[in-house]
């Protein structure tokens, strides 16, 4: 059976699959990234995992994978296949496409086609084609995790922007003069509505240094007024960011994923209300939870690999 390698490299773990052309998963695996051993060890772990996946495909289906797709965090140069920078994984200007292509080379030294993608944009691609955005012409995907990132979906593809920063809704300033962000600005959305921001606020409000966003959601459901205030503060900031994006992009659907979205109706009920209250002339988007959970980026990486093969055929 024809298949490709789909690999998502995270800060602590890697998720992978062998993916058929219709997006169905033929095999899944996970491994630690091993970043505690240094950047070289991380790169070696990626190459070894990809090689083992190729062997798995040969053993299961009798043929080698046709291509590989890999999704990574940080700044990337998709066109040239370079992982430019990752603070978590420690690399700079890593020629990941070249390294993978050579490691996965077939008989006669033929280099395997490799697609490199940003982890959140890859996740947005998968949600658009296989998940909550399936059949939606224009959507905005928002991932609420340690930070906040996003992806703009148009016509089944992700718009990366002129410089590769399209969709960075986490760095939209919603509270001018607010908390200092790691990017250097103040009042960015991710300083107020990310899981880490909610965790910090709830730890302070509750007096429990170990409190986190998940426990805040539980306390909200229990009616704790301190938790409700923290939660609503984050929801209001997120709604402001969504309304700003709605004015600029006019998506029909906003897909919200990441760890904070696991709170379900505790997040989505007040968020939909807050977005609706802020809209004036804009058409209201449908605000929905992501469907693919933590497999989205690996699935998206596989879709990028299939897209790469399609482009090679039509070139």
C-alpha atoms as a PDB file:
ATOM      1  CA  UNK A   1       0.000   0.000   0.000  1.00  0.00           C
ATOM      2  CA  UNK A   2       1.242   3.480  -0.828  1.00  0.00           C
ATOM      3  CA  UNK A   3       2.087   5.484   2.265  1.00  0.00           C
ATOM      4  CA  UNK A   4       4.168   8.351   3.647  1.00  0.00           C
ATOM      5  CA  UNK A   5       5.951   9.037   6.911  1.00  0.00           C
ATOM      6  CA  UNK A   6       4.268  11.612   9.164  1.00  0.00           C
ATOM      7  CA  UNK A   7       6.351  12.931  12.069  1.00  0.00           C
ATOM      8  CA  UNK A   8       5.639  15.617  14.658  1.00  0.00           C
ATOM      9  CA  UNK A   9       8.639  16.723  16.745  1.00  0.00           C
ATOM     10  CA  UNK A  10       7.649  18.266  20.056  1.00  0.00           C
ATOM     11  CA  UNK A  11       9.607  19.704  22.936  1.00  0.00           C
ATOM     12  CA  UNK A  12       9.470  16.469  24.934  1.00  0.00           C
ATOM     13  CA  UNK A  13       8.030  13.822  22.621  1.00  0.00           C
ATOM     14  CA  UNK A  14       7.590  12.814  18.990  1.00  0.00           C
ATOM     15  CA  UNK A  15       4.376  11.491  17.476  1.00  0.00           C
ATOM     16  CA  UNK A  16       4.457   9.644  14.183  1.00  0.00           C
ATOM     17  CA  UNK A  17       2.338   7.693  11.735  1.00  0.00           C
ATOM     18  CA  UNK A  18       2.370   5.994   8.386  1.00  0.00           C
ATOM     19  CA  UNK A  19      -0.336   7.763   6.433  1.00  0.00           C
ATOM     20  CA  UNK A  20      -2.314   6.616   3.404  1.00  0.00           C
ATOM     21  CA  UNK A  21      -3.282   9.076   0.671  1.00  0.00           C
ATOM     22  CA  UNK A  22      -6.833   9.408   1.996  1.00  0.00           C
ATOM     23  CA  UNK A  23      -5.482  10.471   5.397  1.00  0.00           C
ATOM     24  CA  UNK A  24      -6.111   7.172   7.129  1.00  0.00           C
ATOM     25  CA  UNK A  25      -3.537   6.083   9.700  1.00  0.00           C
ATOM     26  CA  UNK A  26      -1.875   2.768   8.914  1.00  0.00           C
ATOM     27  CA  UNK A  27       0.539   2.704  11.854  1.00  0.00           C
ATOM     28  CA  UNK A  28       1.235   4.936  14.868  1.00  0.00           C
ATOM     29  CA  UNK A  29       4.219   5.302  17.209  1.00  0.00           C
ATOM     30  CA  UNK A  30       5.609   7.679  19.814  1.00  0.00           C
ATOM     31  CA  UNK A  31       9.065   8.318  21.246  1.00  0.00           C
ATOM     32  CA  UNK A  32      10.734  10.841  23.557  1.00  0.00           C
ATOM     33  CA  UNK A  33      12.577  13.674  21.873  1.00  0.00           C
ATOM     34  CA  UNK A  34      15.495  13.395  24.282  1.00  0.00           C
ATOM     35  CA  UNK A  35      16.245  17.085  24.471  1.00  0.00           C
ATOM     36  CA  UNK A  36      17.896  16.599  27.878  1.00  0.00           C
ATOM     37  CA  UNK A  37      20.785  15.005  25.982  1.00  0.00           C
ATOM     38  CA  UNK A  38      21.419  18.052  23.791  1.00  0.00           C
ATOM     39  CA  UNK A  39      20.644  19.230  20.273  1.00  0.00           C
ATOM     40  CA  UNK A  40      22.755  16.642  18.479  1.00  0.00           C
ATOM     41  CA  UNK A  41      20.934  13.870  20.320  1.00  0.00           C
ATOM     42  CA  UNK A  42      17.577  15.342  19.331  1.00  0.00           C
ATOM     43  CA  UNK A  43      18.556  15.423  15.658  1.00  0.00           C
ATOM     44  CA  UNK A  44      19.833  11.847  15.873  1.00  0.00           C
ATOM     45  CA  UNK A  45      16.570  10.760  17.525  1.00  0.00           C
ATOM     46  CA  UNK A  46      14.538  12.341  14.706  1.00  0.00           C
ATOM     47  CA  UNK A  47      16.605  10.660  11.993  1.00  0.00           C
ATOM     48  CA  UNK A  48      16.537   7.285  13.764  1.00  0.00           C
ATOM     49  CA  UNK A  49      12.776   7.447  14.293  1.00  0.00           C
ATOM     50  CA  UNK A  50      12.170   8.303  10.642  1.00  0.00           C
ATOM     51  CA  UNK A  51      14.426   5.452   9.508  1.00  0.00           C
ATOM     52  CA  UNK A  52      12.603   3.000  11.771  1.00  0.00           C
ATOM     53  CA  UNK A  53       9.269   4.187  10.392  1.00  0.00           C
ATOM     54  CA  UNK A  54      10.534   3.580   6.862  1.00  0.00           C
ATOM     55  CA  UNK A  55      11.558   0.057   7.869  1.00  0.00           C
ATOM     56  CA  UNK A  56       8.129  -0.463   9.419  1.00  0.00           C
ATOM     57  CA  UNK A  57       6.471   0.541   6.170  1.00  0.00           C
ATOM     58  CA  UNK A  58       8.638  -1.806   4.125  1.00  0.00           C
ATOM     59  CA  UNK A  59       7.931  -4.662   6.503  1.00  0.00           C
ATOM     60  CA  UNK A  60       4.182  -4.096   6.602  1.00  0.00           C
ATOM     61  CA  UNK A  61       3.460  -3.197   3.005  1.00  0.00           C
ATOM     62  CA  UNK A  62       6.417  -4.472   1.036  1.00  0.00           C
ATOM     63  CA  UNK A  63       7.248  -1.023  -0.319  1.00  0.00           C
ATOM     64  CA  UNK A  64       9.149   1.978   1.010  1.00  0.00           C
ATOM     65  CA  UNK A  65       7.346   5.188   1.962  1.00  0.00           C
ATOM     66  CA  UNK A  66       6.990   7.543  -0.977  1.00  0.00           C
ATOM     67  CA  UNK A  67       7.868  10.654   1.034  1.00  0.00           C
ATOM     68  CA  UNK A  68       8.151  12.023   4.541  1.00  0.00           C
ATOM     69  CA  UNK A  69       6.617  15.009   6.271  1.00  0.00           C
ATOM     70  CA  UNK A  70       7.953  16.460   9.503  1.00  0.00           C
ATOM     71  CA  UNK A  71       6.400  19.178  11.667  1.00  0.00           C
ATOM     72  CA  UNK A  72       8.641  21.099  14.068  1.00  0.00           C
ATOM     73  CA  UNK A  73       8.216  24.006  16.503  1.00  0.00           C
ATOM     74  CA  UNK A  74       9.897  27.377  16.259  1.00  0.00           C
ATOM     75  CA  UNK A  75      10.862  29.348  13.187  1.00  0.00           C
ATOM     76  CA  UNK A  76      11.181  27.447   9.926  1.00  0.00           C
ATOM     77  CA  UNK A  77      12.012  28.067   6.285  1.00  0.00           C
ATOM     78  CA  UNK A  78       9.554  25.737   4.575  1.00  0.00           C
ATOM     79  CA  UNK A  79      10.731  26.531   1.056  1.00  0.00           C
ATOM     80  CA  UNK A  80      14.348  25.556   1.751  1.00  0.00           C
ATOM     81  CA  UNK A  81      13.589  22.876   4.330  1.00  0.00           C
ATOM     82  CA  UNK A  82      15.508  24.542   7.148  1.00  0.00           C
ATOM     83  CA  UNK A  83      14.540  24.536  10.825  1.00  0.00           C
ATOM     84  CA  UNK A  84      15.776  28.057  11.503  1.00  0.00           C
ATOM     85  CA  UNK A  85      15.403  28.280  15.284  1.00  0.00           C
ATOM     86  CA  UNK A  86      13.841  26.446  18.196  1.00  0.00           C
ATOM     87  CA  UNK A  87      14.384  27.669  21.739  1.00  0.00           C
ATOM     88  CA  UNK A  88      13.118  24.390  23.201  1.00  0.00           C
ATOM     89  CA  UNK A  89      15.188  22.063  21.011  1.00  0.00           C
ATOM     90  CA  UNK A  90      18.268  24.264  20.704  1.00  0.00           C
ATOM     91  CA  UNK A  91      18.912  24.217  16.983  1.00  0.00           C
ATOM     92  CA  UNK A  92      19.726  27.019  14.573  1.00  0.00           C
ATOM     93  CA  UNK A  93      19.640  26.781  10.782  1.00  0.00           C
ATOM     94  CA  UNK A  94      19.265  23.013  10.797  1.00  0.00           C
ATOM     95  CA  UNK A  95      18.956  21.617   7.223  1.00  0.00           C
ATOM     96  CA  UNK A  96      16.407  19.072   8.372  1.00  0.00           C
ATOM     97  CA  UNK A  97      14.932  18.289   4.963  1.00  0.00           C
ATOM     98  CA  UNK A  98      18.369  17.497   3.558  1.00  0.00           C
ATOM     99  CA  UNK A  99      19.336  15.376   6.565  1.00  0.00           C
ATOM    100  CA  UNK A 100      16.122  13.364   6.449  1.00  0.00           C
ATOM    101  CA  UNK A 101      16.220  12.968   2.692  1.00  0.00           C
ATOM    102  CA  UNK A 102      19.722  11.535   2.859  1.00  0.00           C
ATOM    103  CA  UNK A 103      18.967   9.251   5.817  1.00  0.00           C
ATOM    104  CA  UNK A 104      15.881   7.885   4.064  1.00  0.00           C
ATOM    105  CA  UNK A 105      17.549   7.527   0.666  1.00  0.00           C
ATOM    106  CA  UNK A 106      16.470   4.443  -1.253  1.00  0.00           C
ATOM    107  CA  UNK A 107      18.332   2.014  -3.439  1.00  0.00           C
ATOM    108  CA  UNK A 108      20.876   3.746  -5.618  1.00  0.00           C
ATOM    109  CA  UNK A 109      21.030   6.676  -3.219  1.00  0.00           C
ATOM    110  CA  UNK A 110      17.797   8.285  -4.419  1.00  0.00           C
ATOM    111  CA  UNK A 111      16.897  10.982  -1.905  1.00  0.00           C
ATOM    112  CA  UNK A 112      13.413  10.685  -0.445  1.00  0.00           C
ATOM    113  CA  UNK A 113      11.176  13.762  -0.881  1.00  0.00           C
ATOM    114  CA  UNK A 114      10.711  15.495   2.478  1.00  0.00           C
ATOM    115  CA  UNK A 115       8.257  18.252   3.416  1.00  0.00           C
ATOM    116  CA  UNK A 116       9.002  20.471   6.418  1.00  0.00           C
ATOM    117  CA  UNK A 117       6.185  22.271   8.194  1.00  0.00           C
ATOM    118  CA  UNK A 118       5.482  24.359  11.284  1.00  0.00           C
ATOM    119  CA  UNK A 119       3.827  22.273  14.005  1.00  0.00           C
ATOM    120  CA  UNK A 120       0.782  24.490  14.568  1.00  0.00           C
ATOM    121  CA  UNK A 121       0.210  25.217  10.879  1.00  0.00           C
ATOM    122  CA  UNK A 122       0.500  21.480  10.209  1.00  0.00           C
ATOM    123  CA  UNK A 123      -2.066  20.857  12.929  1.00  0.00           C
ATOM    124  CA  UNK A 124      -4.331  23.454  11.359  1.00  0.00           C
ATOM    125  CA  UNK A 125      -3.971  21.761   7.971  1.00  0.00           C
ATOM    126  CA  UNK A 126      -5.049  18.426   9.443  1.00  0.00           C
ATOM    127  CA  UNK A 127      -7.999  19.987  11.269  1.00  0.00           C
ATOM    128  CA  UNK A 128      -9.038  21.653   8.020  1.00  0.00           C
ATOM    129  CA  UNK A 129      -8.942  18.503   5.904  1.00  0.00           C
ATOM    130  CA  UNK A 130      -9.641  15.723   8.370  1.00  0.00           C
ATOM    131  CA  UNK A 131     -11.081  17.309  11.496  1.00  0.00           C
ATOM    132  CA  UNK A 132     -13.323  20.137  12.682  1.00  0.00           C
ATOM    133  CA  UNK A 133     -12.726  22.258   9.573  1.00  0.00           C
ATOM    134  CA  UNK A 134     -13.486  19.585   7.021  1.00  0.00           C
ATOM    135  CA  UNK A 135     -15.499  21.118   4.209  1.00  0.00           C
ATOM    136  CA  UNK A 136     -14.960  24.652   5.556  1.00  0.00           C
ATOM    137  CA  UNK A 137     -13.592  27.093   2.982  1.00  0.00           C
ATOM    138  CA  UNK A 138     -12.111  29.596   5.455  1.00  0.00           C
ATOM    139  CA  UNK A 139     -11.232  28.946   9.079  1.00  0.00           C
ATOM    140  CA  UNK A 140      -8.932  30.111  11.843  1.00  0.00           C
ATOM    141  CA  UNK A 141      -7.249  27.444  13.986  1.00  0.00           C
ATOM    142  CA  UNK A 142      -6.101  28.516  17.459  1.00  0.00           C
ATOM    143  CA  UNK A 143      -3.937  26.315  19.671  1.00  0.00           C
ATOM    144  CA  UNK A 144      -4.112  27.198  23.375  1.00  0.00           C
ATOM    145  CA  UNK A 145      -1.087  25.646  25.051  1.00  0.00           C
ATOM    146  CA  UNK A 146       1.951  26.965  26.869  1.00  0.00           C
ATOM    147  CA  UNK A 147       1.659  29.838  24.421  1.00  0.00           C
ATOM    148  CA  UNK A 148      -0.931  30.584  21.747  1.00  0.00           C
ATOM    149  CA  UNK A 149      -0.405  30.025  18.047  1.00  0.00           C
ATOM    150  CA  UNK A 150      -2.709  29.829  15.073  1.00  0.00           C
ATOM    151  CA  UNK A 151      -3.178  28.914  11.452  1.00  0.00           C
ATOM    152  CA  UNK A 152      -5.247  30.518   8.705  1.00  0.00           C
ATOM    153  CA  UNK A 153      -7.048  27.976   6.536  1.00  0.00           C
ATOM    154  CA  UNK A 154      -8.152  28.951   3.019  1.00  0.00           C
ATOM    155  CA  UNK A 155      -9.432  26.490   0.455  1.00  0.00           C
ATOM    156  CA  UNK A 156      -7.939  23.405   2.059  1.00  0.00           C
ATOM    157  CA  UNK A 157      -4.489  24.960   2.542  1.00  0.00           C
ATOM    158  CA  UNK A 158      -2.781  27.002   5.225  1.00  0.00           C
ATOM    159  CA  UNK A 159      -1.768  30.584   4.496  1.00  0.00           C
ATOM    160  CA  UNK A 160       1.698  31.038   5.994  1.00  0.00           C
ATOM    161  CA  UNK A 161       2.042  34.706   5.046  1.00  0.00           C
ATOM    162  CA  UNK A 162       4.782  36.539   3.182  1.00  0.00           C
ATOM    163  CA  UNK A 163       7.453  35.729   5.793  1.00  0.00           C
ATOM    164  CA  UNK A 164       6.090  32.551   7.403  1.00  0.00           C
ATOM    165  CA  UNK A 165       4.432  34.211  10.393  1.00  0.00           C
ATOM    166  CA  UNK A 166       0.808  34.122   9.273  1.00  0.00           C
ATOM    167  CA  UNK A 167      -1.633  33.115  11.994  1.00  0.00           C
ATOM    168  CA  UNK A 168       0.419  34.288  14.994  1.00  0.00           C
ATOM    169  CA  UNK A 169      -2.673  35.351  16.914  1.00  0.00           C
ATOM    170  CA  UNK A 170      -0.893  34.749  20.216  1.00  0.00           C
ATOM    171  CA  UNK A 171       1.076  37.936  19.590  1.00  0.00           C
ATOM    172  CA  UNK A 172      -1.866  40.153  18.790  1.00  0.00           C
ATOM    173  CA  UNK A 173      -1.886  42.851  21.479  1.00  0.00           C
ATOM    174  CA  UNK A 174      -5.254  42.780  23.220  1.00  0.00           C
ATOM    175  CA  UNK A 175      -4.254  44.665  26.387  1.00  0.00           C
ATOM    176  CA  UNK A 176      -1.882  47.537  25.505  1.00  0.00           C
ATOM    177  CA  UNK A 177       0.615  48.035  28.295  1.00  0.00           C
ATOM    178  CA  UNK A 178      -0.276  44.650  29.773  1.00  0.00           C
ATOM    179  CA  UNK A 179       2.022  41.817  30.858  1.00  0.00           C
ATOM    180  CA  UNK A 180       5.404  41.563  29.178  1.00  0.00           C
ATOM    181  CA  UNK A 181       5.508  38.837  26.542  1.00  0.00           C
ATOM    182  CA  UNK A 182       8.498  36.728  25.594  1.00  0.00           C
ATOM    183  CA  UNK A 183       8.387  38.359  22.165  1.00  0.00           C
ATOM    184  CA  UNK A 184       9.179  41.734  23.778  1.00  0.00           C
ATOM    185  CA  UNK A 185       5.736  43.324  23.455  1.00  0.00           C
ATOM    186  CA  UNK A 186       3.211  43.966  26.209  1.00  0.00           C
ATOM    187  CA  UNK A 187      -0.338  42.682  26.426  1.00  0.00           C
ATOM    188  CA  UNK A 188      -0.069  39.895  23.832  1.00  0.00           C
ATOM    189  CA  UNK A 189      -2.954  37.447  23.832  1.00  0.00           C
ATOM    190  CA  UNK A 190      -0.797  34.549  24.999  1.00  0.00           C
ATOM    191  CA  UNK A 191       0.202  36.427  28.173  1.00  0.00           C
ATOM    192  CA  UNK A 192      -3.472  36.445  29.182  1.00  0.00           C
ATOM    193  CA  UNK A 193      -5.294  33.459  27.683  1.00  0.00           C
ATOM    194  CA  UNK A 194      -2.767  30.648  27.268  1.00  0.00           C
ATOM    195  CA  UNK A 195      -2.793  27.639  29.578  1.00  0.00           C
ATOM    196  CA  UNK A 196       0.365  28.914  31.257  1.00  0.00           C
ATOM    197  CA  UNK A 197      -1.181  32.369  31.764  1.00  0.00           C
ATOM    198  CA  UNK A 198      -4.282  30.851  33.370  1.00  0.00           C
ATOM    199  CA  UNK A 199      -2.085  28.608  35.529  1.00  0.00           C
ATOM    200  CA  UNK A 200      -0.076  31.574  36.787  1.00  0.00           C
ATOM    201  CA  UNK A 201      -3.177  33.639  37.525  1.00  0.00           C
ATOM    202  CA  UNK A 202      -4.941  30.782  39.287  1.00  0.00           C
ATOM    203  CA  UNK A 203      -1.868  29.900  41.362  1.00  0.00           C
ATOM    204  CA  UNK A 204      -1.740  33.498  42.574  1.00  0.00           C
ATOM    205  CA  UNK A 205      -5.484  33.770  43.195  1.00  0.00           C
ATOM    206  CA  UNK A 206      -5.767  30.441  44.997  1.00  0.00           C
ATOM    207  CA  UNK A 207      -2.524  30.693  46.936  1.00  0.00           C
ATOM    208  CA  UNK A 208      -1.505  27.256  45.672  1.00  0.00           C
ATOM    209  CA  UNK A 209       1.806  27.390  43.757  1.00  0.00           C
ATOM    210  CA  UNK A 210       1.012  24.018  42.169  1.00  0.00           C
ATOM    211  CA  UNK A 211      -2.363  25.090  40.787  1.00  0.00           C
ATOM    212  CA  UNK A 212      -2.747  24.920  37.021  1.00  0.00           C
ATOM    213  CA  UNK A 213      -5.260  25.698  34.276  1.00  0.00           C
ATOM    214  CA  UNK A 214      -6.912  22.288  34.549  1.00  0.00           C
ATOM    215  CA  UNK A 215      -7.550  22.742  38.268  1.00  0.00           C
ATOM    216  CA  UNK A 216      -8.847  26.241  37.572  1.00  0.00           C
ATOM    217  CA  UNK A 217     -11.433  24.781  35.172  1.00  0.00           C
ATOM    218  CA  UNK A 218     -12.505  22.295  37.851  1.00  0.00           C
ATOM    219  CA  UNK A 219     -12.853  25.122  40.358  1.00  0.00           C
ATOM    220  CA  UNK A 220     -14.902  27.128  37.854  1.00  0.00           C
ATOM    221  CA  UNK A 221     -17.312  24.213  37.509  1.00  0.00           C
ATOM    222  CA  UNK A 222     -17.520  24.060  41.310  1.00  0.00           C
ATOM    223  CA  UNK A 223     -18.473  27.748  41.439  1.00  0.00           C
ATOM    224  CA  UNK A 224     -15.334  29.119  43.113  1.00  0.00           C
ATOM    225  CA  UNK A 225     -15.619  32.898  42.548  1.00  0.00           C
ATOM    226  CA  UNK A 226     -11.831  33.336  42.434  1.00  0.00           C
ATOM    227  CA  UNK A 227     -11.552  30.760  39.662  1.00  0.00           C
ATOM    228  CA  UNK A 228     -14.506  32.245  37.808  1.00  0.00           C
ATOM    229  CA  UNK A 229     -12.800  35.667  37.822  1.00  0.00           C
ATOM    230  CA  UNK A 230      -9.489  34.229  36.542  1.00  0.00           C
ATOM    231  CA  UNK A 231     -11.253  32.179  33.873  1.00  0.00           C
ATOM    232  CA  UNK A 232     -13.425  35.047  32.653  1.00  0.00           C
ATOM    233  CA  UNK A 233     -10.386  37.317  32.417  1.00  0.00           C
ATOM    234  CA  UNK A 234      -8.784  34.824  30.041  1.00  0.00           C
ATOM    235  CA  UNK A 235     -11.990  34.238  28.086  1.00  0.00           C
ATOM    236  CA  UNK A 236     -12.487  37.976  27.579  1.00  0.00           C
ATOM    237  CA  UNK A 237      -8.950  38.369  26.229  1.00  0.00           C
ATOM    238  CA  UNK A 238      -9.391  35.397  23.892  1.00  0.00           C
ATOM    239  CA  UNK A 239     -12.705  36.770  22.652  1.00  0.00           C
ATOM    240  CA  UNK A 240     -11.040  40.116  21.896  1.00  0.00           C
ATOM    241  CA  UNK A 241      -8.381  38.320  19.862  1.00  0.00           C
ATOM    242  CA  UNK A 242     -10.966  36.310  17.944  1.00  0.00           C
ATOM    243  CA  UNK A 243     -13.032  39.401  17.130  1.00  0.00           C
ATOM    244  CA  UNK A 244      -9.930  41.195  15.873  1.00  0.00           C
ATOM    245  CA  UNK A 245      -9.151  38.209  13.643  1.00  0.00           C
ATOM    246  CA  UNK A 246     -12.766  38.079  12.503  1.00  0.00           C
ATOM    247  CA  UNK A 247     -12.584  41.684  11.362  1.00  0.00           C
ATOM    248  CA  UNK A 248      -9.396  41.026   9.373  1.00  0.00           C
ATOM    249  CA  UNK A 249      -9.920  37.512   8.026  1.00  0.00           C
ATOM    250  CA  UNK A 250     -13.684  36.863   8.137  1.00  0.00           C
ATOM    251  CA  UNK A 251     -13.436  33.089   8.708  1.00  0.00           C
ATOM    252  CA  UNK A 252     -16.676  31.143   8.892  1.00  0.00           C
ATOM    253  CA  UNK A 253     -15.277  28.895  11.622  1.00  0.00           C
ATOM    254  CA  UNK A 254     -12.850  29.321  14.503  1.00  0.00           C
ATOM    255  CA  UNK A 255     -11.383  26.006  15.645  1.00  0.00           C
ATOM    256  CA  UNK A 256      -9.925  26.039  19.145  1.00  0.00           C
ATOM    257  CA  UNK A 257      -7.545  23.297  20.259  1.00  0.00           C
ATOM    258  CA  UNK A 258      -4.698  22.742  22.672  1.00  0.00           C
ATOM    259  CA  UNK A 259      -4.702  21.837  26.333  1.00  0.00           C
ATOM    260  CA  UNK A 260      -7.038  24.620  27.469  1.00  0.00           C
ATOM    261  CA  UNK A 261      -9.711  23.464  25.014  1.00  0.00           C
ATOM    262  CA  UNK A 262      -9.912  20.194  26.953  1.00  0.00           C
ATOM    263  CA  UNK A 263     -12.111  22.095  29.421  1.00  0.00           C
ATOM    264  CA  UNK A 264     -14.965  21.666  26.937  1.00  0.00           C
ATOM    265  CA  UNK A 265     -18.122  23.641  27.644  1.00  0.00           C
ATOM    266  CA  UNK A 266     -16.421  25.368  30.569  1.00  0.00           C
ATOM    267  CA  UNK A 267     -14.435  27.222  27.907  1.00  0.00           C
ATOM    268  CA  UNK A 268     -16.680  27.198  24.869  1.00  0.00           C
ATOM    269  CA  UNK A 269     -19.974  28.343  26.399  1.00  0.00           C
ATOM    270  CA  UNK A 270     -18.615  31.629  27.857  1.00  0.00           C
ATOM    271  CA  UNK A 271     -16.269  32.110  24.892  1.00  0.00           C
ATOM    272  CA  UNK A 272     -19.094  31.950  22.335  1.00  0.00           C
ATOM    273  CA  UNK A 273     -21.088  34.409  24.439  1.00  0.00           C
ATOM    274  CA  UNK A 274     -18.149  36.795  24.781  1.00  0.00           C
ATOM    275  CA  UNK A 275     -17.424  36.714  21.031  1.00  0.00           C
ATOM    276  CA  UNK A 276     -21.083  37.308  20.172  1.00  0.00           C
ATOM    277  CA  UNK A 277     -21.312  40.280  22.555  1.00  0.00           C
ATOM    278  CA  UNK A 278     -18.322  41.962  20.901  1.00  0.00           C
ATOM    279  CA  UNK A 279     -19.400  41.678  17.293  1.00  0.00           C
ATOM    280  CA  UNK A 280     -21.029  44.661  15.621  1.00  0.00           C
ATOM    281  CA  UNK A 281     -21.139  44.445  11.811  1.00  0.00           C
ATOM    282  CA  UNK A 282     -19.095  41.241  11.500  1.00  0.00           C
ATOM    283  CA  UNK A 283     -20.717  37.953  10.653  1.00  0.00           C
ATOM    284  CA  UNK A 284     -20.368  35.658  13.681  1.00  0.00           C
ATOM    285  CA  UNK A 285     -18.035  32.692  13.243  1.00  0.00           C
ATOM    286  CA  UNK A 286     -18.874  29.237  14.492  1.00  0.00           C
ATOM    287  CA  UNK A 287     -16.534  28.600  17.429  1.00  0.00           C
ATOM    288  CA  UNK A 288     -15.849  24.858  17.710  1.00  0.00           C
ATOM    289  CA  UNK A 289     -13.415  22.531  19.493  1.00  0.00           C
ATOM    290  CA  UNK A 290     -10.644  20.839  17.536  1.00  0.00           C
ATOM    291  CA  UNK A 291     -11.219  17.157  16.836  1.00  0.00           C
ATOM    292  CA  UNK A 292      -7.774  15.632  16.316  1.00  0.00           C
ATOM    293  CA  UNK A 293      -6.260  16.415  19.724  1.00  0.00           C
ATOM    294  CA  UNK A 294      -2.493  15.822  19.949  1.00  0.00           C
ATOM    295  CA  UNK A 295      -2.275  13.878  16.684  1.00  0.00           C
ATOM    296  CA  UNK A 296      -3.111  16.902  14.524  1.00  0.00           C
ATOM    297  CA  UNK A 297       0.454  18.010  13.780  1.00  0.00           C
ATOM    298  CA  UNK A 298       1.676  14.547  12.791  1.00  0.00           C
ATOM    299  CA  UNK A 299      -1.335  14.048  10.521  1.00  0.00           C
ATOM    300  CA  UNK A 300      -0.698  17.460   9.005  1.00  0.00           C
ATOM    301  CA  UNK A 301       2.938  16.544   8.381  1.00  0.00           C
ATOM    302  CA  UNK A 302       1.758  13.498   6.454  1.00  0.00           C
ATOM    303  CA  UNK A 303      -0.630  15.615   4.411  1.00  0.00           C
ATOM    304  CA  UNK A 304       2.263  17.932   3.549  1.00  0.00           C
ATOM    305  CA  UNK A 305       4.187  14.907   2.281  1.00  0.00           C
ATOM    306  CA  UNK A 306       1.299  13.869   0.041  1.00  0.00           C
ATOM    307  CA  UNK A 307       0.954  17.459  -1.196  1.00  0.00           C
ATOM    308  CA  UNK A 308       4.661  17.472  -2.051  1.00  0.00           C
ATOM    309  CA  UNK A 309       4.244  14.337  -4.136  1.00  0.00           C
ATOM    310  CA  UNK A 310       1.245  15.848  -5.915  1.00  0.00           C
ATOM    311  CA  UNK A 311       3.275  18.951  -6.791  1.00  0.00           C
ATOM    312  CA  UNK A 312       6.103  16.816  -8.151  1.00  0.00           C
ATOM    313  CA  UNK A 313       3.677  14.930 -10.375  1.00  0.00           C
ATOM    314  CA  UNK A 314       2.138  18.095 -11.792  1.00  0.00           C
ATOM    315  CA  UNK A 315       5.453  19.954 -12.156  1.00  0.00           C
END
